[in-house]
Amino acid sequence: MLEDGPSVVHDVSLAAAVGRRALPIRLCTAFTRSLGAQHATMSLFPCLEQWQLLYASDECALRAEAAQFAHADGPSVSAALEARTVFVPEVRGDGDRSHVPDWSDDLPGVRHVLALALHREFRPVGVICLYFTRPTQLPAAHITEAERAADVAREELLRWRPAHADPAGPQPVWATDTRAARWERIHRAAGYVAEREDCPVGDALAWLQTASTRRKQSLLDTCDLVLQPAGARPGGHRRAPAVAS
């Protein structure tokens, strides 16, 4: 249970005022200390099909963030795509493996996840993801306060980025890993479906996830099939069913 004290908005505002050089670290530290999280990551989106890791508190946090983008699923991905807060109160639910998401296999020991979207007018800017390995109570009021703090963090990051975060600079830690290639292919497929069906990319990604489950194949295989030239696809002369009913 969190103790009464300075709000997370206060802590994040103070962290931003201290200095700009290590802003991502200061912001994530403020969130973890105020909310009682054990790990944190902060990512930005130079464009929708790319993500740039600004900070991971440790190897556990790095693997947790990378796993979600590898599967194109999880709180960080949903928060970023849908411009909303995502809270997973129990990553492994009631212990029934049929309800355990694939991305959770790379989050050993994580009990709760809180992903705070950084967005402006529903355009994804980035995401702050907090990982809790100890049982923690996060009442709705604390999550609402964290959302207000995320708005403060977003504005500070947007002011900080032009001077300190060169888009042409170092790539994310996992840029040479297959995880980055997977995310790029998955999002190219989602973008293709979204344009064809005239729907949001988030809805297109949800359709691809449903289609892969129905066909009993990996999400990546389904996306690769979508990206094949129309004449090379089985039944390529037919349109895919509408994304949204």
C-alpha atoms as a PDB file:
ATOM      1  CA  MET A   1       0.000   0.000   0.000  1.00  0.00           C
ATOM      2  CA  LEU A   2       1.339   3.418  -0.889  1.00  0.00           C
ATOM      3  CA  GLU A   3       1.811   5.811   1.972  1.00  0.00           C
ATOM      4  CA  ASP A   4       0.391   9.306   1.957  1.00  0.00           C
ATOM      5  CA  GLY A   5       2.902  11.932   0.915  1.00  0.00           C
ATOM      6  CA  PRO A   6       3.887  14.119  -2.008  1.00  0.00           C
ATOM      7  CA  SER A   7       1.967  13.213  -5.144  1.00  0.00           C
ATOM      8  CA  VAL A   8       3.566  11.582  -8.161  1.00  0.00           C
ATOM      9  CA  VAL A   9       2.832  14.783 -10.102  1.00  0.00           C
ATOM     10  CA  HIS A  10       4.891  16.710  -7.548  1.00  0.00           C
ATOM     11  CA  ASP A  11       7.737  14.199  -7.734  1.00  0.00           C
ATOM     12  CA  VAL A  12       7.780  14.136 -11.546  1.00  0.00           C
ATOM     13  CA  SER A  13       7.648  17.934 -11.739  1.00  0.00           C
ATOM     14  CA  LEU A  14      10.542  18.169  -9.287  1.00  0.00           C
ATOM     15  CA  ALA A  15      12.557  15.601 -11.254  1.00  0.00           C
ATOM     16  CA  ALA A  16      12.048  17.608 -14.433  1.00  0.00           C
ATOM     17  CA  ALA A  17      13.132  20.829 -12.745  1.00  0.00           C
ATOM     18  CA  VAL A  18      16.409  19.411 -11.429  1.00  0.00           C
ATOM     19  CA  GLY A  19      18.074  19.138 -14.818  1.00  0.00           C
ATOM     20  CA  ARG A  20      17.746  18.051 -18.410  1.00  0.00           C
ATOM     21  CA  ARG A  21      20.837  15.930 -18.987  1.00  0.00           C
ATOM     22  CA  ALA A  22      19.443  12.740 -17.456  1.00  0.00           C
ATOM     23  CA  LEU A  23      15.752  13.553 -17.818  1.00  0.00           C
ATOM     24  CA  PRO A  24      14.469  10.038 -18.765  1.00  0.00           C
ATOM     25  CA  ILE A  25      16.260   8.498 -15.778  1.00  0.00           C
ATOM     26  CA  ARG A  26      14.991  11.191 -13.417  1.00  0.00           C
ATOM     27  CA  LEU A  27      11.414  10.861 -14.626  1.00  0.00           C
ATOM     28  CA  CYS A  28      11.335   7.055 -14.414  1.00  0.00           C
ATOM     29  CA  THR A  29      12.905   7.158 -10.958  1.00  0.00           C
ATOM     30  CA  ALA A  30      10.218   9.582  -9.805  1.00  0.00           C
ATOM     31  CA  PHE A  31       7.474   7.274 -11.078  1.00  0.00           C
ATOM     32  CA  THR A  32       8.954   4.129  -9.514  1.00  0.00           C
ATOM     33  CA  ARG A  33       9.560   5.748  -6.131  1.00  0.00           C
ATOM     34  CA  SER A  34       6.139   7.392  -5.956  1.00  0.00           C
ATOM     35  CA  LEU A  35       4.160   4.342  -7.092  1.00  0.00           C
ATOM     36  CA  GLY A  36       6.307   1.613  -5.539  1.00  0.00           C
ATOM     37  CA  ALA A  37       7.388  -0.081  -8.783  1.00  0.00           C
ATOM     38  CA  GLN A  38      10.577  -2.148  -8.968  1.00  0.00           C
ATOM     39  CA  HIS A  39      11.400  -1.653 -12.682  1.00  0.00           C
ATOM     40  CA  ALA A  40      10.656   0.945 -15.346  1.00  0.00           C
ATOM     41  CA  THR A  41      11.146   1.705 -19.034  1.00  0.00           C
ATOM     42  CA  MET A  42      10.580   4.775 -21.156  1.00  0.00           C
ATOM     43  CA  SER A  43      10.219   4.581 -24.933  1.00  0.00           C
ATOM     44  CA  LEU A  44       9.474   7.139 -27.619  1.00  0.00           C
ATOM     45  CA  PHE A  45       8.026   6.650 -31.101  1.00  0.00           C
ATOM     46  CA  PRO A  46       9.869   8.587 -33.835  1.00  0.00           C
ATOM     47  CA  CYS A  47       7.195   7.079 -36.121  1.00  0.00           C
ATOM     48  CA  LEU A  48       4.526   4.459 -35.532  1.00  0.00           C
ATOM     49  CA  GLU A  49       6.492   1.462 -36.807  1.00  0.00           C
ATOM     50  CA  GLN A  50       9.617   2.300 -34.783  1.00  0.00           C
ATOM     51  CA  TRP A  51      10.315   2.684 -31.129  1.00  0.00           C
ATOM     52  CA  GLN A  52      13.305   4.214 -29.396  1.00  0.00           C
ATOM     53  CA  LEU A  53      14.275   3.088 -25.925  1.00  0.00           C
ATOM     54  CA  LEU A  54      15.234   6.084 -23.818  1.00  0.00           C
ATOM     55  CA  TYR A  55      15.720   4.283 -20.526  1.00  0.00           C
ATOM     56  CA  ALA A  56      15.431   0.865 -18.907  1.00  0.00           C
ATOM     57  CA  SER A  57      16.088   0.646 -15.195  1.00  0.00           C
ATOM     58  CA  ASP A  58      17.809  -2.741 -15.534  1.00  0.00           C
ATOM     59  CA  GLU A  59      18.068  -5.896 -17.650  1.00  0.00           C
ATOM     60  CA  CYS A  60      14.695  -7.150 -16.396  1.00  0.00           C
ATOM     61  CA  ALA A  61      12.979  -3.968 -17.574  1.00  0.00           C
ATOM     62  CA  LEU A  62      14.764  -4.102 -20.930  1.00  0.00           C
ATOM     63  CA  ARG A  63      13.680  -7.693 -21.566  1.00  0.00           C
ATOM     64  CA  ALA A  64      10.113  -6.924 -20.497  1.00  0.00           C
ATOM     65  CA  GLU A  65       9.823  -4.003 -22.916  1.00  0.00           C
ATOM     66  CA  ALA A  66      11.494  -5.857 -25.786  1.00  0.00           C
ATOM     67  CA  ALA A  67       9.288  -8.915 -25.263  1.00  0.00           C
ATOM     68  CA  GLN A  68       6.135  -6.857 -25.700  1.00  0.00           C
ATOM     69  CA  PHE A  69       7.331  -5.314 -28.950  1.00  0.00           C
ATOM     70  CA  ALA A  70       8.524  -8.710 -30.163  1.00  0.00           C
ATOM     71  CA  HIS A  71       5.002 -10.081 -29.765  1.00  0.00           C
ATOM     72  CA  ALA A  72       3.336  -6.787 -30.769  1.00  0.00           C
ATOM     73  CA  ASP A  73       1.217  -7.317 -27.691  1.00  0.00           C
ATOM     74  CA  GLY A  74       1.222  -6.257 -24.063  1.00  0.00           C
ATOM     75  CA  PRO A  75       0.550  -3.183 -21.922  1.00  0.00           C
ATOM     76  CA  SER A  76       3.267  -0.988 -23.487  1.00  0.00           C
ATOM     77  CA  VAL A  77       2.079  -1.722 -27.026  1.00  0.00           C
ATOM     78  CA  SER A  78      -1.606  -1.256 -26.195  1.00  0.00           C
ATOM     79  CA  ALA A  79      -0.997   1.966 -24.265  1.00  0.00           C
ATOM     80  CA  ALA A  80       1.058   3.447 -27.088  1.00  0.00           C
ATOM     81  CA  LEU A  81      -1.258   2.422 -29.930  1.00  0.00           C
ATOM     82  CA  GLU A  82      -4.525   3.238 -28.193  1.00  0.00           C
ATOM     83  CA  ALA A  83      -3.330   6.383 -26.351  1.00  0.00           C
ATOM     84  CA  ARG A  84      -4.660   5.137 -23.024  1.00  0.00           C
ATOM     85  CA  THR A  85      -3.447   3.848 -19.676  1.00  0.00           C
ATOM     86  CA  VAL A  86      -3.223   0.068 -19.379  1.00  0.00           C
ATOM     87  CA  PHE A  87      -3.087  -1.591 -15.971  1.00  0.00           C
ATOM     88  CA  VAL A  88      -2.626  -5.364 -15.661  1.00  0.00           C
ATOM     89  CA  PRO A  89      -3.419  -6.225 -12.022  1.00  0.00           C
ATOM     90  CA  GLU A  90      -2.235  -9.846 -12.321  1.00  0.00           C
ATOM     91  CA  VAL A  91       0.045 -10.786 -15.208  1.00  0.00           C
ATOM     92  CA  ARG A  92      -0.562 -14.497 -14.739  1.00  0.00           C
ATOM     93  CA  GLY A  93      -4.187 -14.313 -13.693  1.00  0.00           C
ATOM     94  CA  ASP A  94      -5.469 -17.314 -11.768  1.00  0.00           C
ATOM     95  CA  GLY A  95      -2.708 -19.639 -12.930  1.00  0.00           C
ATOM     96  CA  ASP A  96      -4.604 -21.063 -15.903  1.00  0.00           C
ATOM     97  CA  ARG A  97      -2.038 -21.161 -18.731  1.00  0.00           C
ATOM     98  CA  SER A  98      -4.746 -20.707 -21.351  1.00  0.00           C
ATOM     99  CA  HIS A  99      -5.183 -17.134 -20.076  1.00  0.00           C
ATOM    100  CA  VAL A 100      -1.482 -16.262 -19.868  1.00  0.00           C
ATOM    101  CA  PRO A 101      -0.380 -13.943 -22.694  1.00  0.00           C
ATOM    102  CA  ASP A 102       2.718 -14.903 -24.697  1.00  0.00           C
ATOM    103  CA  TRP A 103       4.581 -11.737 -23.757  1.00  0.00           C
ATOM    104  CA  SER A 104       4.354 -12.594 -20.055  1.00  0.00           C
ATOM    105  CA  ASP A 105       6.807 -15.487 -20.480  1.00  0.00           C
ATOM    106  CA  ASP A 106       9.586 -12.899 -20.700  1.00  0.00           C
ATOM    107  CA  LEU A 107       8.446 -11.116 -17.537  1.00  0.00           C
ATOM    108  CA  PRO A 108       9.428 -13.631 -14.832  1.00  0.00           C
ATOM    109  CA  GLY A 109       8.412 -12.528 -11.381  1.00  0.00           C
ATOM    110  CA  VAL A 110       6.378  -9.531 -12.557  1.00  0.00           C
ATOM    111  CA  ARG A 111       3.026  -9.313 -10.758  1.00  0.00           C
ATOM    112  CA  HIS A 112       1.502  -6.064 -12.023  1.00  0.00           C
ATOM    113  CA  VAL A 113       2.182  -3.788 -14.991  1.00  0.00           C
ATOM    114  CA  LEU A 114       1.151  -0.150 -15.416  1.00  0.00           C
ATOM    115  CA  ALA A 115       1.720   1.384 -18.857  1.00  0.00           C
ATOM    116  CA  LEU A 116       1.203   5.138 -19.074  1.00  0.00           C
ATOM    117  CA  ALA A 117       0.650   6.478 -22.580  1.00  0.00           C
ATOM    118  CA  LEU A 118       2.481   9.600 -23.658  1.00  0.00           C
ATOM    119  CA  HIS A 119       0.269  11.035 -26.371  1.00  0.00           C
ATOM    120  CA  ARG A 120      -0.924  14.301 -27.832  1.00  0.00           C
ATOM    121  CA  GLU A 121      -4.374  14.390 -29.435  1.00  0.00           C
ATOM    122  CA  PHE A 122      -4.333  10.579 -29.718  1.00  0.00           C
ATOM    123  CA  ARG A 123      -1.014  10.629 -31.594  1.00  0.00           C
ATOM    124  CA  PRO A 124       1.427   8.278 -29.847  1.00  0.00           C
ATOM    125  CA  VAL A 125       4.504  10.009 -28.485  1.00  0.00           C
ATOM    126  CA  GLY A 126       5.780   7.244 -26.240  1.00  0.00           C
ATOM    127  CA  VAL A 127       5.082   5.176 -23.164  1.00  0.00           C
ATOM    128  CA  ILE A 128       6.309   4.814 -19.597  1.00  0.00           C
ATOM    129  CA  CYS A 129       5.911   1.255 -18.328  1.00  0.00           C
ATOM    130  CA  LEU A 130       6.194   0.319 -14.649  1.00  0.00           C
ATOM    131  CA  TYR A 131       6.732  -3.263 -13.502  1.00  0.00           C
ATOM    132  CA  PHE A 132       5.857  -4.465 -10.010  1.00  0.00           C
ATOM    133  CA  THR A 133       7.406  -7.683  -8.676  1.00  0.00           C
ATOM    134  CA  ARG A 134       5.879  -7.255  -5.224  1.00  0.00           C
ATOM    135  CA  PRO A 135       2.157  -7.237  -4.446  1.00  0.00           C
ATOM    136  CA  THR A 136       1.110  -3.579  -4.544  1.00  0.00           C
ATOM    137  CA  GLN A 137      -2.214  -1.833  -4.215  1.00  0.00           C
ATOM    138  CA  LEU A 138      -2.819   0.714  -6.961  1.00  0.00           C
ATOM    139  CA  PRO A 139      -6.192   2.384  -6.333  1.00  0.00           C
ATOM    140  CA  ALA A 140      -7.891   4.185  -9.191  1.00  0.00           C
ATOM    141  CA  ALA A 141      -7.023   7.535  -7.600  1.00  0.00           C
ATOM    142  CA  HIS A 142      -3.306   6.722  -7.729  1.00  0.00           C
ATOM    143  CA  ILE A 143      -3.546   5.655 -11.374  1.00  0.00           C
ATOM    144  CA  THR A 144      -5.387   8.879 -12.224  1.00  0.00           C
ATOM    145  CA  GLU A 145      -2.643  10.837 -10.484  1.00  0.00           C
ATOM    146  CA  ALA A 146      -0.033   8.879 -12.459  1.00  0.00           C
ATOM    147  CA  GLU A 147      -1.824   9.831 -15.688  1.00  0.00           C
ATOM    148  CA  ARG A 148      -1.555  13.515 -14.768  1.00  0.00           C
ATOM    149  CA  ALA A 149       2.126  12.996 -14.032  1.00  0.00           C
ATOM    150  CA  ALA A 150       2.539  11.311 -17.442  1.00  0.00           C
ATOM    151  CA  ASP A 151       1.155  14.465 -19.078  1.00  0.00           C
ATOM    152  CA  VAL A 152       3.820  16.487 -17.250  1.00  0.00           C
ATOM    153  CA  ALA A 153       6.504  14.010 -18.345  1.00  0.00           C
ATOM    154  CA  ARG A 154       5.330  14.158 -21.963  1.00  0.00           C
ATOM    155  CA  GLU A 155       5.661  17.932 -22.159  1.00  0.00           C
ATOM    156  CA  GLU A 156       9.098  17.851 -20.552  1.00  0.00           C
ATOM    157  CA  LEU A 157      10.250  15.141 -22.969  1.00  0.00           C
ATOM    158  CA  LEU A 158       8.977  17.016 -26.013  1.00  0.00           C
ATOM    159  CA  ARG A 159      10.965  20.071 -24.906  1.00  0.00           C
ATOM    160  CA  TRP A 160      14.021  17.948 -24.090  1.00  0.00           C
ATOM    161  CA  ARG A 161      14.106  15.768 -27.166  1.00  0.00           C
ATOM    162  CA  PRO A 162      15.188  18.239 -29.893  1.00  0.00           C
ATOM    163  CA  ALA A 163      18.363  19.171 -28.038  1.00  0.00           C
ATOM    164  CA  HIS A 164      19.267  15.889 -26.384  1.00  0.00           C
ATOM    165  CA  ALA A 165      17.725  13.014 -28.378  1.00  0.00           C
ATOM    166  CA  ASP A 166      18.967  13.001 -31.959  1.00  0.00           C
ATOM    167  CA  PRO A 167      16.714  10.698 -34.078  1.00  0.00           C
ATOM    168  CA  ALA A 168      19.768   9.846 -36.189  1.00  0.00           C
ATOM    169  CA  GLY A 169      21.765   8.946 -33.102  1.00  0.00           C
ATOM    170  CA  PRO A 170      22.204   5.582 -31.368  1.00  0.00           C
ATOM    171  CA  GLN A 171      19.498   3.047 -32.129  1.00  0.00           C
ATOM    172  CA  PRO A 172      17.551   1.130 -29.449  1.00  0.00           C
ATOM    173  CA  VAL A 173      19.543  -1.485 -27.578  1.00  0.00           C
ATOM    174  CA  TRP A 174      17.839  -4.299 -29.476  1.00  0.00           C
ATOM    175  CA  ALA A 175      18.109  -2.727 -32.957  1.00  0.00           C
ATOM    176  CA  THR A 176      20.237  -5.608 -34.265  1.00  0.00           C
ATOM    177  CA  ASP A 177      18.031  -8.230 -32.640  1.00  0.00           C
ATOM    178  CA  THR A 178      15.226 -10.022 -34.456  1.00  0.00           C
ATOM    179  CA  ARG A 179      12.787  -8.298 -32.110  1.00  0.00           C
ATOM    180  CA  ALA A 180      13.151  -5.022 -33.996  1.00  0.00           C
ATOM    181  CA  ALA A 181      12.657  -6.743 -37.349  1.00  0.00           C
ATOM    182  CA  ARG A 182       9.534  -8.488 -36.041  1.00  0.00           C
ATOM    183  CA  TRP A 183       7.973  -5.256 -34.828  1.00  0.00           C
ATOM    184  CA  GLU A 184       8.678  -3.529 -38.143  1.00  0.00           C
ATOM    185  CA  ARG A 185       7.080  -6.343 -40.188  1.00  0.00           C
ATOM    186  CA  ILE A 186       4.082  -6.613 -37.881  1.00  0.00           C
ATOM    187  CA  HIS A 187       3.448  -2.907 -38.086  1.00  0.00           C
ATOM    188  CA  ARG A 188       3.883  -2.768 -41.829  1.00  0.00           C
ATOM    189  CA  ALA A 189       1.170  -5.424 -42.073  1.00  0.00           C
ATOM    190  CA  ALA A 190      -1.071  -3.542 -39.624  1.00  0.00           C
ATOM    191  CA  GLY A 191      -0.579  -0.344 -41.614  1.00  0.00           C
ATOM    192  CA  TYR A 192      -1.466  -2.154 -44.846  1.00  0.00           C
ATOM    193  CA  VAL A 193      -4.674  -3.572 -43.348  1.00  0.00           C
ATOM    194  CA  ALA A 194      -5.572  -0.209 -41.767  1.00  0.00           C
ATOM    195  CA  GLU A 195      -5.219   1.614 -45.091  1.00  0.00           C
ATOM    196  CA  ARG A 196      -7.170  -1.046 -46.986  1.00  0.00           C
ATOM    197  CA  GLU A 197      -9.993  -1.244 -44.462  1.00  0.00           C
ATOM    198  CA  ASP A 198      -9.944   2.479 -43.565  1.00  0.00           C
ATOM    199  CA  CYS A 199      -9.629   1.800 -39.845  1.00  0.00           C
ATOM    200  CA  PRO A 200      -7.196   2.736 -37.027  1.00  0.00           C
ATOM    201  CA  VAL A 201      -3.886   0.860 -36.897  1.00  0.00           C
ATOM    202  CA  GLY A 202      -4.811  -0.447 -33.439  1.00  0.00           C
ATOM    203  CA  ASP A 203      -7.944  -2.094 -34.856  1.00  0.00           C
ATOM    204  CA  ALA A 204      -5.925  -3.574 -37.708  1.00  0.00           C
ATOM    205  CA  LEU A 205      -3.405  -5.022 -35.273  1.00  0.00           C
ATOM    206  CA  ALA A 206      -6.249  -6.500 -33.188  1.00  0.00           C
ATOM    207  CA  TRP A 207      -7.664  -8.141 -36.332  1.00  0.00           C
ATOM    208  CA  LEU A 208      -4.260  -9.625 -37.195  1.00  0.00           C
ATOM    209  CA  GLN A 209      -3.950 -11.016 -33.671  1.00  0.00           C
ATOM    210  CA  THR A 210      -7.418 -12.591 -33.921  1.00  0.00           C
ATOM    211  CA  ALA A 211      -6.661 -13.977 -37.379  1.00  0.00           C
ATOM    212  CA  SER A 212      -3.419 -15.586 -36.198  1.00  0.00           C
ATOM    213  CA  THR A 213      -5.230 -17.266 -33.295  1.00  0.00           C
ATOM    214  CA  ARG A 214      -8.000 -18.527 -35.577  1.00  0.00           C
ATOM    215  CA  ARG A 215      -5.474 -19.928 -38.045  1.00  0.00           C
ATOM    216  CA  LYS A 216      -3.312 -21.394 -35.248  1.00  0.00           C
ATOM    217  CA  GLN A 217      -0.208 -19.647 -36.513  1.00  0.00           C
ATOM    218  CA  SER A 218       2.110 -17.025 -35.094  1.00  0.00           C
ATOM    219  CA  LEU A 219       1.266 -13.358 -35.431  1.00  0.00           C
ATOM    220  CA  LEU A 220       4.456 -12.891 -37.438  1.00  0.00           C
ATOM    221  CA  ASP A 221       3.462 -15.623 -39.921  1.00  0.00           C
ATOM    222  CA  THR A 222       0.057 -14.018 -40.382  1.00  0.00           C
ATOM    223  CA  CYS A 223       1.645 -10.625 -40.996  1.00  0.00           C
ATOM    224  CA  ASP A 224       4.159 -12.067 -43.454  1.00  0.00           C
ATOM    225  CA  LEU A 225       1.250 -13.601 -45.361  1.00  0.00           C
ATOM    226  CA  VAL A 226      -0.460 -10.202 -45.518  1.00  0.00           C
ATOM    227  CA  LEU A 227       2.751  -8.596 -46.799  1.00  0.00           C
ATOM    228  CA  GLN A 228       3.196 -11.111 -49.626  1.00  0.00           C
ATOM    229  CA  PRO A 229       2.259  -9.943 -53.140  1.00  0.00           C
ATOM    230  CA  ALA A 230      -1.460 -10.563 -53.725  1.00  0.00           C
ATOM    231  CA  GLY A 231      -0.827 -13.204 -56.389  1.00  0.00           C
ATOM    232  CA  ALA A 232       1.445 -15.173 -54.072  1.00  0.00           C
ATOM    233  CA  ARG A 233      -1.066 -15.466 -51.235  1.00  0.00           C
ATOM    234  CA  PRO A 234      -3.329 -18.488 -50.909  1.00  0.00           C
ATOM    235  CA  GLY A 235      -6.713 -17.148 -51.959  1.00  0.00           C
ATOM    236  CA  GLY A 236      -5.032 -13.819 -52.665  1.00  0.00           C
ATOM    237  CA  HIS A 237      -7.833 -12.790 -55.013  1.00  0.00           C
ATOM    238  CA  ARG A 238     -10.207 -12.432 -52.063  1.00  0.00           C
ATOM    239  CA  ARG A 239     -10.262  -9.542 -49.629  1.00  0.00           C
ATOM    240  CA  ALA A 240      -9.673 -10.184 -45.954  1.00  0.00           C
ATOM    241  CA  PRO A 241     -12.758  -9.835 -43.775  1.00  0.00           C
ATOM    242  CA  ALA A 242     -13.422  -6.380 -42.374  1.00  0.00           C
ATOM    243  CA  VAL A 243     -11.333  -5.472 -39.360  1.00  0.00           C
ATOM    244  CA  ALA A 244     -14.146  -4.079 -37.272  1.00  0.00           C
ATOM    245  CA  SER A 245     -17.619  -5.529 -37.173  1.00  0.00           C
END
